[in-house]
Amino acid sequence: MTPDVPAFDYESARKNFSFELPEFFNFAIDIVGKRAREKDKTALIAINRSGENVEHLSYSDLDRTSNRFANVLLDLGVEKGDFAFVMIPRLASWYYVLFGAMKVGAVSMPGTNLLTAKDIEYRINRAEARLAIVTREHADKVDQIKSNCPSLEHLIVIGEDREGWTGFDSACAAASDELDLEKAPKVRADDLMLIYFTSGTTSMPKMVGRDHSYGAAHAITGDYWADLGEDDVHWTLTDTGWAKAAWGLMFPPMLAGSTVLLYDGEGFDVDMHLKIIERHKVTTFCAPPTIYRILAQTDVSKADLSSLRHCIGAGEPLNPEAMRSWKKATGCDVHDGYGQTETVNIVANFPGMEIRPGSMGRPVPGVDVNIVDDEGNVVADDEVGHIAVRITDPYPPGLFRGYFKDKEGTAKVFHDGWYFTGDTATRDRDGYFWFVGRSDDIITSSGYRISPFEVESALIEHEAVAESAVVSKPDPARTEIVMAYVTLAPGFEASEALKKDIQDFVKNLTAPYKYPREIVFMDALPKTISGKIRRVELRDDARDHTAGSILP
């Protein structure tokens, strides 16, 4: 259960914050390698799909094996700045590959394990990648498209060897576990380290370049939001292809010297996850709100969750209902936090700070975040505006410098002295931020500005609603109306009576003008491969949808 923590002195933390990096910095060498040499301990608890095969790996294990892979890359002629497409599930080899690439200055491009052959081709060609490094279950996809990828020179497979590919295991076994730093290129803090592709909810995925300073800047994430320390066992639920893996599986916990839990499971097995928390004494835990709702609706008394001391939520806005239900089930508050692939954690509910359910929290020390209008003017308290990061000197820690190979996309988000996140919120008089929605998701109805997130938070509190997404529908009388797409919880069936009951429920829970005038019941909401709802698809559907109809 959550222990008492001292009150957080917010103003002092902001005033005394400092962030300095040397000109040359390499996370894999300067953090992982240094810890391996000076204060070695368990870095990783790797658990297989059944939950029975558990491997404890030290920081020195990660350092030596990534040295082997770095030597493999040097032998292949890989040079600093070369791009490598990486598609590896939650396995220890994901660390070996990314750390090995960092050590020689190669730029890894992690991809989620749900990518299709077409997705892989797009990413390799967009970045002109020289390498593809995947596990054997994905090798067929690469073979299908390699002839369409003229830049692709080296194929590396993890698992059993494959004709035409370099076998990761056999090549590493033959390589030295010591890396001659005189042979490896020296890496600057501002050299590219990673390329992440955005989830593509409204357009083709953009390339977000992260330099080596990004890893160090995640000290903000670990110190002020995740509250990590050397004695923690930390578990973040995420796919390795998303920046959330960098947030939860790599940089913040390893900066703090924590132990990371890595479970290679498919889907979400409630019993398995509870068993893992209990068996491995997880102390800090991060999951999206959907998972907290599922867990909180489960009888968790069968598992001993007393090791949990700090829980955080990320991946989507965290509604008050999810926070209340998890607190009731476990005694732990859920500390919401906000950031993007383009940033580190920039707004958070800090340990020891008052949590206001439904609020994103307050801006983190070291980054000037505010709510601004279209021209970058700070708006008044409680007024809806853009969440933006001020471009300061020195540059904001962890903020990217623009979309790779996309000057037009970069210009759209960097202007008037700010980076515009694309999200909107309000700021109350105490500096707490309250999420409203994506900038293009705000609904204007009869002169009112309505937050889809606020309506969704009300909908999800109805016992029949499992998941919801709210968009605008054009309306000649009101400009736009609120339209809700809903999936139902087990035991409920779509009907006109249920629709009216949900509408009345929302009217009573929020201002009456915010209720969804139309509700569409669906078997599943359309989502990207990262699990984010494709609102652009729902908005297109809403424009053509016949009022009052019920989808099967």
Protein backbone atom coordinates (compact mmCIF):
# COMPACT_ATOMS: atom_id res chain seq x y z
CA MET A 1 0.00 0.00 0.00
CA THR A 2 1.12 3.59 -0.60
CA PRO A 3 3.39 4.74 2.22
CA ASP A 4 3.35 8.26 3.60
CA VAL A 5 5.62 10.49 1.53
CA PRO A 6 6.85 13.95 2.40
CA ALA A 7 5.14 16.92 0.80
CA PHE A 8 6.70 17.92 -2.53
CA ASP A 9 8.21 21.40 -2.52
CA TYR A 10 7.25 22.30 -6.08
CA GLU A 11 8.58 25.84 -6.21
CA SER A 12 11.93 24.81 -4.71
CA ALA A 13 12.29 21.95 -7.21
CA ARG A 14 11.70 24.30 -10.14
CA LYS A 15 14.02 26.96 -8.77
CA ASN A 16 16.89 24.59 -8.04
CA PHE A 17 16.64 22.41 -11.15
CA SER A 18 19.75 22.04 -13.26
CA PHE A 19 20.56 19.86 -16.25
CA GLU A 20 24.03 19.74 -17.73
CA LEU A 21 25.60 17.30 -20.13
CA PRO A 22 29.14 17.00 -21.43
CA GLU A 23 29.70 17.52 -25.13
CA PHE A 24 30.11 13.77 -25.58
CA PHE A 25 27.59 11.40 -24.00
CA ASN A 26 26.61 7.80 -24.71
CA PHE A 27 23.95 6.29 -22.44
CA ALA A 28 25.04 2.69 -23.06
CA ILE A 29 28.65 3.46 -22.12
CA ASP A 30 28.34 6.31 -19.63
CA ILE A 31 25.37 4.99 -17.65
CA VAL A 32 24.96 1.23 -18.22
CA GLY A 33 28.67 0.52 -18.61
CA LYS A 34 29.65 2.69 -15.66
CA ARG A 35 27.07 1.06 -13.39
CA ALA A 36 28.28 -2.37 -14.48
CA ARG A 37 31.81 -1.45 -13.43
CA GLU A 38 31.12 0.50 -10.27
CA LYS A 39 27.82 -0.65 -8.72
CA ASP A 40 26.63 -3.81 -10.41
CA LYS A 41 23.27 -5.33 -9.51
CA THR A 42 20.24 -6.96 -11.14
CA ALA A 43 19.16 -4.76 -14.03
CA LEU A 44 16.52 -6.97 -15.60
CA ILE A 45 14.07 -9.68 -14.58
CA ALA A 46 13.10 -11.27 -17.90
CA ILE A 47 10.02 -13.51 -17.73
CA ASN A 48 8.85 -15.73 -20.56
CA ARG A 49 5.28 -16.04 -21.80
CA SER A 50 4.28 -18.82 -19.38
CA GLY A 51 5.64 -16.86 -16.45
CA GLU A 52 7.72 -19.83 -15.31
CA ASN A 53 11.06 -19.18 -17.02
CA VAL A 54 12.70 -16.28 -15.21
CA GLU A 55 16.14 -14.88 -15.97
CA HIS A 56 17.93 -12.37 -13.73
CA LEU A 57 20.41 -10.26 -15.68
CA SER A 58 22.85 -7.80 -14.15
CA TYR A 59 24.00 -4.47 -15.52
CA SER A 60 27.31 -6.18 -16.35
CA ASP A 61 25.40 -8.86 -18.33
CA LEU A 62 23.76 -6.12 -20.40
CA ASP A 63 27.07 -4.35 -20.83
CA ARG A 64 29.07 -7.39 -21.94
CA THR A 65 26.48 -8.77 -24.36
CA SER A 66 25.86 -5.35 -25.91
CA ASN A 67 29.64 -5.07 -26.32
CA ARG A 68 29.53 -8.32 -28.29
CA PHE A 69 26.83 -6.95 -30.56
CA ALA A 70 28.67 -3.66 -30.98
CA ASN A 71 31.69 -5.67 -32.19
CA VAL A 72 29.44 -7.58 -34.59
CA LEU A 73 28.21 -4.28 -36.04
CA LEU A 74 31.76 -2.95 -36.42
CA ASP A 75 32.79 -6.16 -38.21
CA LEU A 76 29.87 -5.69 -40.62
CA GLY A 77 31.14 -2.21 -41.44
CA VAL A 78 28.32 -0.37 -39.71
CA GLU A 79 29.20 3.30 -39.30
CA LYS A 80 28.11 6.10 -37.03
CA GLY A 81 24.77 7.48 -38.24
CA ASP A 82 23.66 4.31 -40.03
CA PHE A 83 19.97 3.50 -39.49
CA ALA A 84 18.81 0.12 -38.20
CA PHE A 85 15.18 -1.01 -38.21
CA VAL A 86 14.59 -3.01 -35.00
CA MET A 87 11.57 -5.25 -34.34
CA ILE A 88 12.03 -7.29 -31.16
CA PRO A 89 9.40 -8.22 -28.56
CA ARG A 90 9.94 -7.95 -24.79
CA LEU A 91 13.16 -9.96 -24.73
CA ALA A 92 16.58 -9.23 -23.25
CA SER A 93 17.96 -9.08 -26.80
CA TRP A 94 16.06 -5.80 -27.28
CA TYR A 95 18.48 -4.22 -24.79
CA TYR A 96 21.52 -5.90 -26.31
CA VAL A 97 20.64 -4.57 -29.75
CA LEU A 98 19.77 -1.01 -28.73
CA PHE A 99 22.75 -0.65 -26.39
CA GLY A 100 25.11 -2.22 -28.92
CA ALA A 101 23.90 0.18 -31.61
CA MET A 102 24.32 3.15 -29.25
CA LYS A 103 27.90 2.14 -28.54
CA VAL A 104 28.90 2.39 -32.21
CA GLY A 105 26.72 5.42 -32.98
CA ALA A 106 24.16 3.56 -35.11
CA VAL A 107 20.59 4.91 -35.01
CA SER A 108 17.96 2.36 -33.97
CA MET A 109 14.39 2.58 -35.28
CA PRO A 110 12.24 0.49 -32.90
CA GLY A 111 9.03 -0.87 -34.38
CA THR A 112 6.03 -2.39 -32.66
CA ASN A 113 5.64 -6.13 -33.12
CA LEU A 114 2.29 -5.64 -34.86
CA LEU A 115 3.82 -4.01 -37.95
CA THR A 116 3.01 -5.56 -41.30
CA ALA A 117 5.49 -6.09 -44.14
CA LYS A 118 4.13 -2.91 -45.75
CA ASP A 119 4.71 -0.94 -42.53
CA ILE A 120 8.29 -2.21 -42.35
CA GLU A 121 8.95 -1.27 -45.96
CA TYR A 122 7.66 2.27 -45.36
CA ARG A 123 9.92 2.75 -42.32
CA ILE A 124 13.06 1.32 -43.92
CA ASN A 125 12.67 3.37 -47.09
CA ARG A 126 11.64 6.56 -45.28
CA ALA A 127 14.85 6.49 -43.22
CA GLU A 128 17.04 4.77 -45.86
CA ALA A 129 18.01 2.18 -43.24
CA ARG A 130 21.03 -0.07 -43.87
CA LEU A 131 20.08 -2.76 -41.35
CA ALA A 132 17.03 -4.75 -40.28
CA ILE A 133 17.28 -6.56 -36.93
CA VAL A 134 14.28 -8.73 -36.10
CA THR A 135 13.29 -11.93 -34.35
CA ARG A 136 12.69 -15.03 -36.44
CA GLU A 137 8.88 -14.67 -36.40
CA HIS A 138 9.27 -11.36 -38.26
CA ALA A 139 11.99 -12.38 -40.71
CA ASP A 140 9.49 -13.52 -43.35
CA LYS A 141 8.01 -10.00 -43.45
CA VAL A 142 11.44 -8.51 -44.15
CA ASP A 143 12.17 -11.11 -46.83
CA GLN A 144 8.91 -10.12 -48.56
CA ILE A 145 9.93 -6.48 -48.95
CA LYS A 146 13.74 -6.44 -48.98
CA SER A 147 13.91 -6.23 -52.77
CA ASN A 148 11.87 -3.00 -52.54
CA CYS A 149 14.35 -1.46 -50.09
CA PRO A 150 17.49 -0.39 -51.97
CA SER A 151 19.26 0.97 -48.88
CA LEU A 152 18.96 -2.32 -46.95
CA GLU A 153 22.32 -4.14 -46.78
CA HIS A 154 22.40 -6.21 -43.58
CA LEU A 155 19.78 -8.58 -42.18
CA ILE A 156 20.23 -9.83 -38.61
CA VAL A 157 17.91 -12.43 -37.10
CA ILE A 158 17.47 -13.23 -33.41
CA GLY A 159 16.71 -16.86 -32.74
CA GLU A 160 17.69 -19.75 -34.98
CA ASP A 161 19.99 -18.94 -37.91
CA ARG A 162 18.44 -18.28 -41.30
CA GLU A 163 19.84 -18.44 -44.83
CA GLY A 164 20.87 -15.03 -46.10
CA TRP A 165 20.84 -13.53 -42.62
CA THR A 166 23.45 -12.94 -39.94
CA GLY A 167 22.53 -14.97 -36.88
CA PHE A 168 22.52 -12.73 -33.81
CA ASP A 169 23.25 -15.50 -31.30
CA SER A 170 26.05 -17.17 -33.24
CA ALA A 171 27.67 -13.87 -34.25
CA CYS A 172 27.62 -12.56 -30.67
CA ALA A 173 29.00 -15.84 -29.33
CA ALA A 174 32.01 -15.46 -31.62
CA ALA A 175 32.58 -11.78 -30.75
CA SER A 176 34.54 -10.32 -27.84
CA ASP A 177 32.61 -9.06 -24.82
CA GLU A 178 35.05 -6.19 -24.52
CA LEU A 179 34.69 -3.13 -26.74
CA ASP A 180 37.76 -1.18 -27.81
CA LEU A 181 36.53 2.40 -27.41
CA GLU A 182 39.36 3.55 -29.68
CA LYS A 183 37.69 1.68 -32.55
CA ALA A 184 34.15 2.76 -31.74
CA PRO A 185 33.24 6.26 -32.95
CA LYS A 186 32.87 8.89 -30.25
CA VAL A 187 29.26 10.00 -29.83
CA ARG A 188 28.17 13.54 -29.10
CA ALA A 189 25.20 14.27 -26.86
CA ASP A 190 23.45 15.88 -29.82
CA ASP A 191 24.07 12.99 -32.24
CA LEU A 192 21.02 10.97 -33.28
CA MET A 193 20.42 7.85 -31.19
CA LEU A 194 16.86 6.73 -31.96
CA ILE A 195 14.13 7.31 -34.51
CA TYR A 196 10.56 6.71 -33.37
CA PHE A 197 7.62 6.72 -35.75
CA THR A 198 4.48 8.44 -34.47
CA SER A 199 1.33 6.36 -34.19
CA GLY A 200 -0.27 7.93 -37.24
CA THR A 201 -3.75 8.66 -35.86
CA THR A 202 -4.36 11.40 -38.43
CA SER A 203 -1.65 10.92 -41.09
CA MET A 204 1.24 8.74 -42.14
CA PRO A 205 3.68 8.20 -39.25
CA LYS A 206 6.27 10.95 -38.79
CA MET A 207 9.87 10.30 -37.78
CA VAL A 208 10.82 11.67 -34.38
CA GLY A 209 14.57 11.85 -33.95
CA ARG A 210 15.96 11.50 -30.41
CA ASP A 211 19.58 12.32 -29.74
CA HIS A 212 21.79 10.85 -27.01
CA SER A 213 20.88 13.64 -24.56
CA TYR A 214 17.32 12.26 -24.58
CA GLY A 215 18.38 9.33 -22.42
CA ALA A 216 19.87 11.63 -19.78
CA ALA A 217 16.88 14.01 -19.89
CA HIS A 218 14.65 11.16 -18.75
CA ALA A 219 16.01 11.82 -15.27
CA ILE A 220 13.07 14.25 -15.16
CA THR A 221 10.69 11.36 -15.85
CA GLY A 222 12.26 9.10 -13.26
CA ASP A 223 12.79 11.66 -10.51
CA TYR A 224 9.59 13.71 -10.60
CA TRP A 225 6.94 11.32 -11.89
CA ALA A 226 8.00 7.68 -11.62
CA ASP A 227 9.83 8.27 -8.30
CA LEU A 228 12.45 5.61 -9.06
CA GLY A 229 15.38 4.53 -6.90
CA GLU A 230 17.98 1.78 -6.66
CA ASP A 231 15.77 -0.46 -4.52
CA ASP A 232 12.81 -0.39 -6.90
CA VAL A 233 11.52 -3.18 -9.12
CA HIS A 234 9.76 -1.29 -11.90
CA TRP A 235 7.23 -2.65 -14.38
CA THR A 236 5.82 -0.69 -17.31
CA LEU A 237 3.25 -2.34 -19.58
CA THR A 238 4.22 -1.40 -23.13
CA ASP A 239 5.32 -2.74 -26.48
CA THR A 240 9.04 -2.29 -27.20
CA GLY A 241 8.29 -0.44 -30.43
CA TRP A 242 6.93 2.69 -28.78
CA ALA A 243 8.63 5.56 -26.99
CA LYS A 244 6.82 4.44 -23.84
CA ALA A 245 9.35 1.60 -23.71
CA ALA A 246 12.14 4.19 -23.56
CA TRP A 247 10.23 5.90 -20.74
CA GLY A 248 9.50 2.78 -18.70
CA LEU A 249 11.83 -0.04 -19.71
CA MET A 250 15.10 1.75 -20.32
CA PHE A 251 16.20 5.28 -19.53
CA PRO A 252 14.52 6.42 -16.26
CA PRO A 253 14.87 3.14 -14.35
CA MET A 254 18.45 2.55 -15.48
CA LEU A 255 19.45 6.12 -14.67
CA ALA A 256 18.15 5.42 -11.16
CA GLY A 257 19.76 1.97 -10.95
CA SER A 258 16.40 0.25 -10.59
CA THR A 259 15.58 -3.30 -11.61
CA VAL A 260 13.30 -3.50 -14.66
CA LEU A 261 10.72 -6.24 -15.03
CA LEU A 262 10.21 -7.49 -18.59
CA TYR A 263 7.35 -9.89 -19.32
CA ASP A 264 7.00 -11.35 -22.81
CA GLY A 265 3.27 -12.05 -22.57
CA GLU A 266 0.57 -11.69 -25.19
CA GLY A 267 -2.60 -9.75 -24.46
CA PHE A 268 -3.57 -8.98 -20.89
CA ASP A 269 -4.00 -11.94 -18.57
CA VAL A 270 -5.26 -10.50 -15.27
CA ASP A 271 -4.26 -13.46 -13.13
CA MET A 272 -0.79 -13.63 -14.65
CA HIS A 273 -0.13 -9.94 -14.10
CA LEU A 274 -1.29 -10.08 -10.48
CA LYS A 275 0.88 -13.14 -9.92
CA ILE A 276 3.94 -11.37 -11.38
CA ILE A 277 3.46 -8.30 -9.16
CA GLU A 278 3.19 -10.55 -6.12
CA ARG A 279 5.96 -13.02 -6.97
CA HIS A 280 8.57 -10.45 -8.01
CA LYS A 281 7.67 -7.79 -5.46
CA VAL A 282 7.04 -5.02 -7.98
CA THR A 283 7.29 -1.65 -6.22
CA THR A 284 6.56 0.85 -9.01
CA PHE A 285 4.03 0.14 -11.75
CA CYS A 286 2.94 1.95 -14.90
CA ALA A 287 -0.07 1.05 -17.05
CA PRO A 288 -2.66 2.75 -19.25
CA PRO A 289 -6.04 3.63 -17.69
CA THR A 290 -7.76 0.73 -19.45
CA ILE A 291 -5.58 -1.72 -17.52
CA TYR A 292 -6.24 0.02 -14.21
CA ARG A 293 -9.98 -0.25 -14.84
CA ILE A 294 -9.72 -3.96 -15.63
CA LEU A 295 -7.56 -4.67 -12.58
CA ALA A 296 -9.72 -2.59 -10.26
CA GLN A 297 -12.84 -4.48 -11.36
CA THR A 298 -11.11 -7.74 -10.47
CA ASP A 299 -11.00 -9.35 -7.05
CA VAL A 300 -7.38 -8.50 -6.29
CA SER A 301 -7.61 -9.83 -2.74
CA LYS A 302 -6.33 -13.18 -4.03
CA ALA A 303 -2.96 -11.55 -4.74
CA ASP A 304 -0.59 -9.85 -2.33
CA LEU A 305 0.03 -6.43 -3.86
CA SER A 306 1.54 -4.91 -0.73
CA SER A 307 4.90 -4.41 -2.45
CA LEU A 308 3.40 -1.67 -4.64
CA ARG A 309 4.33 1.78 -3.35
CA HIS A 310 3.94 4.06 -6.38
CA CYS A 311 1.70 3.72 -9.44
CA ILE A 312 1.63 5.91 -12.53
CA GLY A 313 -0.64 6.10 -15.56
CA ALA A 314 0.23 6.99 -19.12
CA GLY A 315 -0.57 6.33 -22.75
CA GLU A 316 -3.93 8.10 -22.71
CA PRO A 317 -5.66 10.60 -20.41
CA LEU A 318 -6.48 9.10 -17.03
CA ASN A 319 -10.08 9.69 -16.01
CA PRO A 320 -11.10 10.11 -12.35
CA GLU A 321 -13.11 6.88 -12.33
CA ALA A 322 -10.03 4.79 -13.08
CA MET A 323 -8.08 6.53 -10.33
CA ARG A 324 -10.80 6.02 -7.74
CA SER A 325 -11.34 2.37 -8.55
CA TRP A 326 -7.62 1.50 -8.36
CA LYS A 327 -7.23 3.38 -5.09
CA LYS A 328 -10.17 1.46 -3.64
CA ALA A 329 -8.78 -1.88 -4.83
CA THR A 330 -5.14 -1.46 -3.79
CA GLY A 331 -4.73 1.61 -1.63
CA CYS A 332 -2.39 3.14 -4.23
CA ASP A 333 -3.01 6.46 -5.90
CA VAL A 334 -2.41 6.60 -9.64
CA HIS A 335 -0.16 9.51 -10.57
CA ASP A 336 -1.12 10.69 -14.03
CA GLY A 337 1.62 12.03 -16.26
CA TYR A 338 1.82 13.61 -19.69
CA GLY A 339 4.39 13.64 -22.45
CA GLN A 340 4.84 12.56 -26.04
CA THR A 341 7.22 10.72 -28.31
CA GLU A 342 8.59 14.21 -28.96
CA THR A 343 9.29 14.94 -25.26
CA VAL A 344 10.12 13.39 -21.92
CA ASN A 345 7.55 13.64 -19.12
CA ILE A 346 6.58 17.33 -19.04
CA VAL A 347 3.46 17.46 -16.82
CA ALA A 348 2.92 15.18 -13.84
CA ASN A 349 1.37 14.48 -10.47
CA PHE A 350 4.46 14.23 -8.28
CA PRO A 351 4.81 12.07 -5.18
CA GLY A 352 3.88 14.17 -2.17
CA MET A 353 1.84 16.64 -4.24
CA GLU A 354 -1.92 16.93 -3.95
CA ILE A 355 -3.60 14.82 -6.63
CA ARG A 356 -6.67 16.38 -8.18
CA PRO A 357 -8.54 13.50 -9.87
CA GLY A 358 -8.77 14.11 -13.59
CA SER A 359 -5.87 16.58 -13.67
CA MET A 360 -2.69 15.89 -15.60
CA GLY A 361 -0.75 17.57 -12.79
CA ARG A 362 1.71 20.47 -13.03
CA PRO A 363 4.67 21.19 -15.34
CA VAL A 364 7.89 19.40 -14.37
CA PRO A 365 10.97 21.28 -13.18
CA GLY A 366 13.31 22.23 -15.99
CA VAL A 367 10.68 22.65 -18.71
CA ASP A 368 8.49 25.74 -19.23
CA VAL A 369 5.09 24.31 -20.18
CA ASN A 370 2.00 26.49 -20.46
CA ILE A 371 -1.40 26.89 -22.10
CA VAL A 372 -1.30 29.29 -25.06
CA ASP A 373 -3.45 30.53 -27.92
CA ASP A 374 -2.75 30.04 -31.62
CA GLU A 375 -0.14 32.84 -31.59
CA GLY A 376 1.70 31.63 -28.49
CA ASN A 377 0.15 34.05 -26.00
CA VAL A 378 -0.42 32.53 -22.55
CA VAL A 379 -4.18 32.30 -21.96
CA ALA A 380 -6.06 33.09 -18.77
CA ASP A 381 -6.77 30.50 -16.10
CA ASP A 382 -9.55 28.05 -17.01
CA GLU A 383 -9.42 29.04 -20.69
CA VAL A 384 -8.90 26.30 -23.28
CA GLY A 385 -5.62 26.56 -25.18
CA HIS A 386 -2.74 24.57 -26.62
CA ILE A 387 -0.34 22.68 -24.37
CA ALA A 388 3.01 24.11 -25.43
CA VAL A 389 6.68 24.04 -24.44
CA ARG A 390 8.56 27.34 -24.50
CA ILE A 391 11.78 27.26 -26.53
CA THR A 392 14.36 28.44 -24.05
CA ASP A 393 18.13 28.82 -23.87
CA PRO A 394 19.40 26.37 -22.79
CA TYR A 395 17.14 24.17 -24.88
CA PRO A 396 14.37 22.33 -22.96
CA PRO A 397 15.70 18.94 -21.75
CA GLY A 398 14.28 16.01 -23.71
CA LEU A 399 12.45 18.08 -26.34
CA PHE A 400 13.07 16.92 -29.91
CA ARG A 401 14.29 19.46 -32.45
CA GLY A 402 11.97 18.65 -35.31
CA TYR A 403 10.57 15.83 -37.41
CA PHE A 404 13.29 14.05 -39.33
CA LYS A 405 13.23 14.83 -43.07
CA ASP A 406 10.02 16.87 -42.62
CA LYS A 407 10.53 20.65 -42.60
CA GLU A 408 6.85 21.33 -43.24
CA GLY A 409 5.71 19.14 -40.35
CA THR A 410 8.30 20.74 -38.09
CA ALA A 411 7.19 24.27 -38.99
CA LYS A 412 3.61 23.42 -38.05
CA VAL A 413 4.53 22.61 -34.47
CA PHE A 414 7.45 25.01 -33.84
CA HIS A 415 6.38 28.65 -34.09
CA ASP A 416 5.99 31.83 -32.05
CA GLY A 417 8.64 30.67 -29.62
CA TRP A 418 6.86 27.46 -28.62
CA TYR A 419 6.57 23.78 -29.46
CA PHE A 420 2.85 23.07 -29.89
CA THR A 421 2.05 19.54 -28.73
CA GLY A 422 -1.22 19.28 -30.67
CA ASP A 423 -3.14 18.76 -27.42
CA THR A 424 -5.37 21.25 -25.62
CA ALA A 425 -6.03 21.78 -21.94
CA THR A 426 -6.97 24.34 -19.32
CA ARG A 427 -4.83 25.55 -16.40
CA ASP A 428 -6.44 26.31 -13.05
CA ARG A 429 -5.32 29.10 -10.72
CA ASP A 430 -2.96 26.72 -8.87
CA GLY A 431 -1.17 25.68 -12.08
CA TYR A 432 -2.77 22.25 -12.50
CA PHE A 433 -3.45 21.23 -16.12
CA TRP A 434 -6.74 19.65 -17.20
CA PHE A 435 -6.74 17.76 -20.50
CA VAL A 436 -9.38 18.75 -23.06
CA GLY A 437 -8.42 16.89 -26.25
CA ARG A 438 -6.39 16.94 -29.42
CA SER A 439 -6.46 20.36 -31.03
CA ASP A 440 -8.56 19.08 -33.92
CA ASP A 441 -10.91 17.10 -31.64
CA ILE A 442 -12.59 20.00 -29.77
CA ILE A 443 -16.34 20.11 -30.40
CA THR A 444 -18.11 23.45 -30.86
CA SER A 445 -21.85 23.09 -30.29
CA SER A 446 -24.28 26.04 -30.03
CA GLY A 447 -21.38 28.28 -29.04
CA TYR A 448 -20.04 25.90 -26.37
CA ARG A 449 -16.59 24.32 -26.57
CA ILE A 450 -16.82 20.71 -25.44
CA SER A 451 -13.96 18.39 -24.51
CA PRO A 452 -14.38 14.87 -25.92
CA PHE A 453 -12.30 13.56 -23.00
CA GLU A 454 -14.73 15.01 -20.44
CA VAL A 455 -17.70 13.32 -22.13
CA GLU A 456 -15.76 10.06 -22.43
CA SER A 457 -14.91 10.22 -18.72
CA ALA A 458 -18.62 10.53 -17.93
CA LEU A 459 -19.59 7.74 -20.32
CA ILE A 460 -17.10 5.28 -18.87
CA GLU A 461 -18.71 5.62 -15.44
CA HIS A 462 -21.92 4.06 -16.75
CA GLU A 463 -21.96 0.37 -15.87
CA ALA A 464 -22.84 -0.67 -19.43
CA VAL A 465 -19.96 1.19 -21.11
CA ALA A 466 -16.68 -0.69 -21.58
CA GLU A 467 -14.99 1.86 -23.85
CA SER A 468 -16.00 5.06 -25.59
CA ALA A 469 -14.81 7.60 -28.11
CA VAL A 470 -16.45 10.98 -28.67
CA VAL A 471 -16.23 13.05 -31.85
CA SER A 472 -18.10 15.91 -33.47
CA LYS A 473 -20.79 15.53 -36.11
CA PRO A 474 -21.70 18.50 -38.35
CA ASP A 475 -25.13 19.93 -37.53
CA PRO A 476 -26.78 22.84 -39.35
CA ALA A 477 -28.55 24.16 -36.24
CA ARG A 478 -25.76 23.77 -33.66
CA THR A 479 -22.62 23.82 -35.89
CA GLU A 480 -21.64 20.45 -34.36
CA ILE A 481 -23.17 17.91 -32.02
CA VAL A 482 -21.55 15.40 -29.68
CA MET A 483 -21.51 11.89 -31.12
CA ALA A 484 -20.35 8.90 -29.05
CA TYR A 485 -19.10 5.53 -30.23
CA VAL A 486 -19.45 2.96 -27.47
CA THR A 487 -18.52 -0.66 -26.82
CA LEU A 488 -20.55 -2.43 -24.18
CA ALA A 489 -19.51 -4.33 -21.08
CA PRO A 490 -20.38 -8.04 -20.85
CA GLY A 491 -24.03 -8.66 -20.08
CA PHE A 492 -25.40 -5.60 -21.90
CA GLU A 493 -27.00 -5.42 -25.32
CA ALA A 494 -27.48 -2.44 -27.62
CA SER A 495 -30.96 -0.96 -27.60
CA GLU A 496 -32.75 2.37 -27.86
CA ALA A 497 -33.63 2.11 -24.17
CA LEU A 498 -29.99 1.67 -23.20
CA LYS A 499 -29.01 4.55 -25.42
CA LYS A 500 -31.44 6.88 -23.64
CA ASP A 501 -30.32 5.62 -20.25
CA ILE A 502 -26.69 6.43 -21.10
CA GLN A 503 -27.66 9.87 -22.41
CA ASP A 504 -29.60 10.69 -19.23
CA PHE A 505 -26.69 9.43 -17.13
CA VAL A 506 -24.26 11.80 -18.84
CA LYS A 507 -26.71 14.72 -18.56
CA ASN A 508 -26.84 14.23 -14.81
CA LEU A 509 -23.07 13.81 -14.45
CA THR A 510 -21.95 16.78 -16.57
CA ALA A 511 -23.49 19.95 -17.94
CA PRO A 512 -26.58 18.94 -19.96
CA TYR A 513 -25.28 20.51 -23.18
CA LYS A 514 -22.38 18.03 -23.20
CA TYR A 515 -24.38 14.84 -23.48
CA PRO A 516 -24.02 12.77 -26.69
CA ARG A 517 -27.03 13.47 -28.88
CA GLU A 518 -26.16 10.42 -30.93
CA ILE A 519 -24.70 7.11 -29.75
CA VAL A 520 -23.40 4.34 -31.97
CA PHE A 521 -22.78 0.92 -30.42
CA MET A 522 -19.80 -0.97 -31.85
CA ASP A 523 -18.13 -4.30 -31.30
CA ALA A 524 -14.73 -2.59 -31.22
CA LEU A 525 -13.38 0.91 -31.75
CA PRO A 526 -10.96 1.47 -34.65
CA LYS A 527 -7.41 1.80 -33.33
CA THR A 528 -3.87 2.27 -34.51
CA ILE A 529 -1.32 -0.48 -33.95
CA SER A 530 -0.29 1.39 -30.78
CA GLY A 531 -3.81 1.01 -29.41
CA LYS A 532 -4.81 4.66 -29.81
CA ILE A 533 -8.31 5.34 -31.09
CA ARG A 534 -8.42 6.48 -34.70
CA ARG A 535 -10.69 9.48 -34.20
CA VAL A 536 -10.11 10.65 -37.77
CA GLU A 537 -11.88 7.48 -38.94
CA LEU A 538 -14.75 8.06 -36.52
CA ARG A 539 -15.10 11.70 -37.59
CA ASP A 540 -15.33 10.58 -41.21
CA ASP A 541 -17.99 8.06 -40.22
CA ALA A 542 -19.90 10.67 -38.19
CA ARG A 543 -20.21 12.98 -41.20
CA ASP A 544 -22.08 10.33 -43.14
CA HIS A 545 -23.84 8.50 -40.31
CA THR A 546 -27.61 8.19 -40.17
CA ALA A 547 -28.91 9.51 -36.85
CA GLY A 548 -30.18 6.93 -34.42
CA SER A 549 -28.86 3.83 -36.13
CA ILE A 550 -27.15 1.07 -34.14
CA LEU A 551 -24.16 -0.74 -35.59
CA PRO A 552 -24.01 -4.49 -35.03
